[in-house]
Amino acid sequence: MTVIDGPIQPIPSIRRIESQWVVLGQALFTSPLLSKDSSVSCATCHDLANGGEDSMAVSTGIGGLKGTRNAPSVFNAVFNFRQFWDGRSHDLSDQIAGPIHNPLEMGSNWEEVINKLSKDDYFSHAFKALSEEGVTQANIIKAITIFEESLITPNAPVDRYLLGDKHALSPDQERGLQKFIDYGCVTCHQGRNIGGNVFQKIGRIDRVPKHLLKDKGRYLITENKFDEHVFKVPSLRNIEKTAPYFHDGSVADLNQAIRIMARGQLGLELEDNDVSDLRAALTAFTGEMPASLQ
């Protein structure tokens, strides 16, 4: 893994992947058999052709039930230090059971899922071909995890720039990247995923729209008053393709999101040219489609 001198790091490439498990994991990821009424799959909320999320403020689960938070992109999620907005899962493997058991999402359980997959000819044979145990909870988690680990979007213009290609960014993208650093955006949005590796309180310095404070974030997990309105900082990779924004999916316009963050997190009132440059920089964070989907 290449490490450079700077707050933002180029995204690593995949050196080795268990391709047969990736194929099985993708089949599981797109299969509605994981949901109680066989109507919802992981891909329902994490559209692999649409930035790894569903473009909705909150997602729709079984029976038309609505979730409570915006579905984050599954692309590059392997680089997040925690999963879910409140960070309640430590890694991708730990995260998988959440949607399956959530009554607002898939509303199922492992016994039902294993029973349905075992009766399906494709899944029954595919699991047995890879493991003597066949369809088990551990193997389901393994397959989906390995597939999700493959969902890396490489070669974004910012990565090529950081690795030495000084022509990879347009002039406005280069200005925006410098402002992104100078204004302090990188305080929270840094590292390989340009975010996803720290918790932060929304409205840390100044006011934010009141609707963003209706959800108490990590406090609902920890019951620690210092965790009120604290969330995992989202990754900004592919951000131009993953509207709407914030944990409640309430902001559809990227320019508006930039202004809200500048004011609430940095105490800055941005000029129009600053917003334009920062938005240009954010477009440079968009990478190529994952190799496993090509």
Protein backbone atom coordinates (compact mmCIF):
# COMPACT_ATOMS: atom_id res chain seq x y z
CA MET A 1 0.00 0.00 0.00
CA THR A 2 1.42 3.35 -1.06
CA VAL A 3 1.59 6.01 1.65
CA ILE A 4 2.24 9.63 0.77
CA ASP A 5 2.99 12.72 2.82
CA GLY A 6 -0.39 14.36 3.28
CA PRO A 7 -3.79 14.03 4.93
CA ILE A 8 -5.48 12.29 1.97
CA GLN A 9 -4.11 8.92 0.91
CA PRO A 10 -4.53 7.19 -2.47
CA ILE A 11 -6.93 4.29 -2.39
CA PRO A 12 -5.20 0.89 -2.26
CA SER A 13 -5.63 -1.60 -5.07
CA ILE A 14 -6.81 -5.16 -4.60
CA ARG A 15 -3.89 -7.53 -4.88
CA ARG A 16 -5.69 -10.79 -4.28
CA ILE A 17 -9.35 -11.73 -4.10
CA GLU A 18 -11.10 -15.08 -3.83
CA SER A 19 -13.02 -14.79 -7.08
CA GLN A 20 -15.42 -17.70 -6.56
CA TRP A 21 -16.49 -16.30 -3.19
CA VAL A 22 -16.90 -12.89 -4.83
CA VAL A 23 -19.29 -14.37 -7.39
CA LEU A 24 -21.29 -16.13 -4.69
CA GLY A 25 -21.26 -13.00 -2.54
CA GLN A 26 -22.62 -10.89 -5.38
CA ALA A 27 -25.39 -13.40 -5.96
CA LEU A 28 -26.32 -13.18 -2.28
CA PHE A 29 -26.05 -9.40 -2.29
CA THR A 30 -28.58 -9.16 -5.11
CA SER A 31 -30.87 -11.95 -3.91
CA PRO A 32 -34.22 -11.12 -2.26
CA LEU A 33 -34.12 -14.50 -0.50
CA LEU A 34 -32.35 -12.81 2.38
CA SER A 35 -35.53 -10.90 3.25
CA LYS A 36 -38.56 -12.31 5.05
CA ASP A 37 -40.98 -11.90 2.14
CA SER A 38 -38.34 -12.27 -0.61
CA SER A 39 -38.95 -8.74 -1.81
CA VAL A 40 -35.80 -6.89 -0.72
CA SER A 41 -32.10 -7.53 -1.32
CA CYS A 42 -28.94 -5.76 -0.17
CA ALA A 43 -28.83 -4.19 -3.63
CA THR A 44 -32.28 -2.67 -3.11
CA CYS A 45 -30.72 -0.09 -0.79
CA HIS A 46 -27.18 -0.30 -2.17
CA ASP A 47 -27.63 -0.07 -5.94
CA LEU A 48 -24.40 -1.29 -7.51
CA ALA A 49 -25.11 0.64 -10.71
CA ASN A 50 -25.92 3.85 -8.87
CA GLY A 51 -23.02 4.76 -6.61
CA GLY A 52 -23.64 1.91 -4.19
CA GLU A 53 -26.74 3.52 -2.66
CA ASP A 54 -30.37 4.10 -3.65
CA SER A 55 -30.68 7.90 -4.09
CA MET A 56 -33.49 7.99 -1.52
CA ALA A 57 -33.59 10.02 1.69
CA VAL A 58 -34.29 6.79 3.56
CA SER A 59 -34.68 3.33 2.09
CA THR A 60 -37.77 1.16 1.76
CA GLY A 61 -37.75 -2.29 3.31
CA ILE A 62 -40.22 -5.16 3.41
CA GLY A 63 -43.89 -4.23 3.34
CA GLY A 64 -43.05 -0.72 2.18
CA LEU A 65 -41.63 0.20 5.59
CA LYS A 66 -39.27 3.18 5.70
CA GLY A 67 -35.90 3.22 7.41
CA THR A 68 -34.71 5.95 9.75
CA ARG A 69 -31.35 6.89 8.21
CA ASN A 70 -29.91 7.40 4.75
CA ALA A 71 -28.31 4.29 3.23
CA PRO A 72 -24.57 4.96 2.82
CA SER A 73 -22.68 3.76 -0.21
CA VAL A 74 -21.31 0.23 0.00
CA PHE A 75 -18.44 1.24 -2.30
CA ASN A 76 -15.14 1.47 -0.40
CA ALA A 77 -16.94 0.61 2.85
CA VAL A 78 -14.14 -1.82 3.62
CA PHE A 79 -11.95 1.19 4.46
CA ASN A 80 -14.34 2.57 7.10
CA PHE A 81 -13.15 2.09 10.65
CA ARG A 82 -16.73 1.32 11.72
CA GLN A 83 -19.97 0.54 9.87
CA PHE A 84 -23.38 2.27 10.09
CA TRP A 85 -23.79 5.99 10.78
CA ASP A 86 -23.53 5.38 14.52
CA GLY A 87 -20.56 3.02 14.19
CA ARG A 88 -22.26 0.17 16.01
CA SER A 89 -20.54 -2.49 13.89
CA HIS A 90 -16.77 -2.78 13.82
CA ASP A 91 -16.41 -4.28 10.35
CA LEU A 92 -18.26 -5.54 7.30
CA SER A 93 -18.72 -9.05 8.68
CA ASP A 94 -20.31 -7.71 11.84
CA GLN A 95 -22.54 -5.37 9.85
CA ILE A 96 -24.25 -7.98 7.68
CA ALA A 97 -26.64 -9.32 10.32
CA GLY A 98 -28.04 -5.84 11.00
CA PRO A 99 -30.15 -5.36 7.86
CA ILE A 100 -31.20 -9.03 7.79
CA HIS A 101 -32.69 -8.80 11.29
CA ASN A 102 -33.94 -5.20 11.15
CA PRO A 103 -37.78 -5.30 10.95
CA LEU A 104 -37.72 -2.13 8.83
CA GLU A 105 -35.31 -3.63 6.31
CA MET A 106 -35.27 -7.39 5.62
CA GLY A 107 -37.11 -8.51 8.76
CA SER A 108 -35.71 -12.03 8.65
CA ASN A 109 -33.37 -14.22 10.69
CA TRP A 110 -30.56 -16.67 10.01
CA GLU A 111 -32.74 -19.77 10.30
CA GLU A 112 -35.19 -18.52 7.66
CA VAL A 113 -32.42 -17.32 5.35
CA ILE A 114 -30.48 -20.59 5.56
CA ASN A 115 -33.65 -22.59 4.92
CA LYS A 116 -34.53 -20.62 1.79
CA LEU A 117 -31.01 -20.65 0.38
CA SER A 118 -30.69 -24.40 1.02
CA LYS A 119 -33.81 -25.03 -1.06
CA ASP A 120 -32.49 -22.94 -3.96
CA ASP A 121 -30.61 -25.03 -6.53
CA TYR A 122 -28.02 -22.38 -7.38
CA PHE A 123 -27.15 -21.42 -3.83
CA SER A 124 -27.20 -24.99 -2.55
CA HIS A 125 -24.70 -26.13 -5.18
CA ALA A 126 -22.58 -22.96 -5.05
CA PHE A 127 -22.05 -23.18 -1.31
CA LYS A 128 -21.25 -26.89 -1.40
CA ALA A 129 -18.71 -26.28 -4.17
CA LEU A 130 -16.82 -23.87 -1.92
CA SER A 131 -17.34 -25.38 1.53
CA GLU A 132 -18.09 -28.81 2.92
CA GLU A 133 -20.48 -27.17 5.40
CA GLY A 134 -22.66 -25.80 2.60
CA VAL A 135 -25.14 -23.07 3.48
CA THR A 136 -24.30 -21.77 6.94
CA GLN A 137 -24.44 -18.42 8.67
CA ALA A 138 -20.65 -18.20 8.66
CA ASN A 139 -20.43 -18.97 4.93
CA ILE A 140 -23.15 -16.47 4.05
CA ILE A 141 -21.29 -13.79 5.98
CA LYS A 142 -17.99 -14.81 4.41
CA ALA A 143 -19.31 -14.62 0.85
CA ILE A 144 -21.01 -11.24 1.26
CA THR A 145 -18.02 -9.82 3.10
CA ILE A 146 -15.54 -10.88 0.42
CA PHE A 147 -17.80 -9.42 -2.28
CA GLU A 148 -18.13 -6.12 -0.42
CA GLU A 149 -14.36 -6.02 0.09
CA SER A 150 -14.05 -6.09 -3.71
CA LEU A 151 -16.17 -2.96 -4.15
CA ILE A 152 -13.27 -0.52 -4.36
CA THR A 153 -13.40 2.40 -6.81
CA PRO A 154 -9.81 3.02 -7.93
CA ASN A 155 -8.04 5.62 -10.05
CA ALA A 156 -9.97 8.71 -9.04
CA PRO A 157 -8.36 11.89 -10.38
CA VAL A 158 -7.32 12.80 -6.83
CA ASP A 159 -5.51 9.47 -6.47
CA ARG A 160 -3.63 9.92 -9.72
CA TYR A 161 -2.73 13.47 -8.66
CA LEU A 162 -1.46 12.37 -5.26
CA LEU A 163 0.63 9.67 -6.93
CA GLY A 164 2.41 12.23 -9.10
CA ASP A 165 0.24 12.93 -12.14
CA LYS A 166 0.01 16.71 -11.86
CA HIS A 167 -2.25 16.84 -14.92
CA ALA A 168 -4.90 14.63 -13.32
CA LEU A 169 -6.80 17.61 -11.84
CA SER A 170 -8.30 20.56 -13.67
CA PRO A 171 -7.32 24.04 -12.41
CA ASP A 172 -10.56 24.42 -10.44
CA GLN A 173 -10.19 20.94 -8.95
CA GLU A 174 -6.64 21.75 -7.91
CA ARG A 175 -7.73 25.04 -6.33
CA GLY A 176 -10.58 23.25 -4.60
CA LEU A 177 -8.30 20.54 -3.22
CA GLN A 178 -5.99 23.18 -1.75
CA LYS A 179 -8.96 24.94 -0.15
CA PHE A 180 -10.24 21.58 1.10
CA ILE A 181 -6.93 21.25 2.94
CA ASP A 182 -6.45 24.88 3.97
CA TYR A 183 -9.99 25.42 5.27
CA GLY A 184 -9.74 22.32 7.45
CA CYS A 185 -12.12 19.93 5.68
CA VAL A 186 -9.36 17.33 6.01
CA THR A 187 -9.64 17.51 9.80
CA CYS A 188 -12.45 14.95 9.43
CA HIS A 189 -12.30 13.90 5.79
CA GLN A 190 -8.87 12.36 5.36
CA GLY A 191 -7.09 9.05 4.93
CA ARG A 192 -7.75 6.42 2.29
CA ASN A 193 -11.51 6.91 2.26
CA ILE A 194 -11.42 10.70 2.63
CA GLY A 195 -13.53 10.13 5.73
CA GLY A 196 -14.98 7.08 7.44
CA ASN A 197 -12.26 6.87 10.08
CA VAL A 198 -13.45 9.13 12.90
CA PHE A 199 -16.58 10.16 14.81
CA GLN A 200 -17.64 13.80 14.85
CA LYS A 201 -20.41 15.92 16.29
CA ILE A 202 -22.59 17.56 13.66
CA GLY A 203 -22.80 21.29 14.30
CA ARG A 204 -19.45 21.16 16.07
CA ILE A 205 -18.80 24.91 15.86
CA ASP A 206 -21.85 26.71 14.48
CA ARG A 207 -25.49 26.25 13.62
CA VAL A 208 -26.80 23.58 11.29
CA PRO A 209 -30.38 23.06 10.05
CA LYS A 210 -32.57 21.87 12.92
CA HIS A 211 -33.63 18.71 11.11
CA LEU A 212 -30.06 17.44 11.32
CA LEU A 213 -30.30 17.50 15.12
CA LYS A 214 -33.44 15.39 15.45
CA ASP A 215 -31.33 12.22 15.42
CA LYS A 216 -29.07 11.89 18.48
CA GLY A 217 -26.64 9.59 16.68
CA ARG A 218 -24.24 7.51 18.79
CA TYR A 219 -26.02 8.57 21.95
CA LEU A 220 -28.72 6.04 21.08
CA ILE A 221 -26.04 3.34 21.33
CA THR A 222 -23.87 4.58 24.19
CA GLU A 223 -26.29 6.76 26.21
CA ASN A 224 -23.30 9.02 26.82
CA LYS A 225 -24.33 12.69 26.64
CA PHE A 226 -21.08 13.53 24.86
CA ASP A 227 -22.23 11.31 21.98
CA GLU A 228 -25.37 13.34 21.25
CA HIS A 229 -25.50 14.18 17.52
CA VAL A 230 -22.20 12.34 16.97
CA PHE A 231 -21.92 10.27 13.79
CA LYS A 232 -19.25 8.46 11.84
CA VAL A 233 -17.83 10.94 9.36
CA PRO A 234 -18.90 9.67 5.93
CA SER A 235 -16.47 8.97 3.14
CA LEU A 236 -16.42 11.60 0.39
CA ARG A 237 -15.35 9.18 -2.30
CA ASN A 238 -17.84 9.25 -5.20
CA ILE A 239 -19.78 11.90 -3.27
CA GLU A 240 -21.15 13.55 -6.42
CA LYS A 241 -22.95 10.29 -7.22
CA THR A 242 -24.44 9.60 -3.79
CA ALA A 243 -27.03 12.34 -3.18
CA PRO A 244 -29.00 12.97 -1.03
CA TYR A 245 -26.66 13.81 1.80
CA PHE A 246 -26.40 13.59 5.61
CA HIS A 247 -27.70 10.91 7.95
CA ASP A 248 -31.31 11.86 7.25
CA GLY A 249 -30.87 12.22 3.48
CA SER A 250 -32.44 15.67 3.69
CA VAL A 251 -30.13 17.63 1.40
CA ALA A 252 -30.13 16.83 -2.30
CA ASP A 253 -27.88 19.65 -3.51
CA LEU A 254 -24.13 19.22 -3.10
CA ASN A 255 -23.50 22.98 -2.99
CA GLN A 256 -25.94 23.29 -0.09
CA ALA A 257 -24.26 20.41 1.71
CA ILE A 258 -20.88 22.13 1.31
CA ARG A 259 -22.23 25.36 2.82
CA ILE A 260 -23.86 23.55 5.74
CA MET A 261 -20.65 21.71 6.57
CA ALA A 262 -18.47 24.80 6.22
CA ARG A 263 -20.68 26.76 8.60
CA GLY A 264 -21.46 24.05 11.13
CA GLN A 265 -18.13 22.24 11.30
CA LEU A 266 -15.62 24.99 10.40
CA GLY A 267 -17.43 28.24 11.23
CA LEU A 268 -16.97 29.50 7.66
CA GLU A 269 -19.37 31.44 5.43
CA LEU A 270 -18.16 30.56 1.95
CA GLU A 271 -18.13 32.78 -1.11
CA ASP A 272 -19.67 31.38 -4.29
CA ASN A 273 -16.25 30.85 -5.86
CA ASP A 274 -15.16 28.83 -2.82
CA VAL A 275 -18.19 26.58 -3.08
CA SER A 276 -17.55 26.13 -6.80
CA ASP A 277 -13.91 25.19 -6.24
CA LEU A 278 -14.70 22.82 -3.37
CA ARG A 279 -17.38 21.13 -5.43
CA ALA A 280 -14.89 20.71 -8.26
CA ALA A 281 -12.50 19.04 -5.82
CA LEU A 282 -15.25 16.67 -4.68
CA THR A 283 -15.82 15.56 -8.28
CA ALA A 284 -12.15 14.57 -8.36
CA PHE A 285 -12.90 12.01 -5.64
CA THR A 286 -14.95 9.88 -8.05
CA GLY A 287 -13.21 6.65 -9.02
CA GLU A 288 -13.77 3.90 -11.53
CA MET A 289 -16.35 1.17 -11.08
CA PRO A 290 -15.09 -1.77 -9.01
CA ALA A 291 -13.33 -4.40 -11.10
CA SER A 292 -15.67 -7.08 -9.77
CA LEU A 293 -18.63 -5.28 -11.41
CA GLN A 294 -17.04 -4.78 -14.81
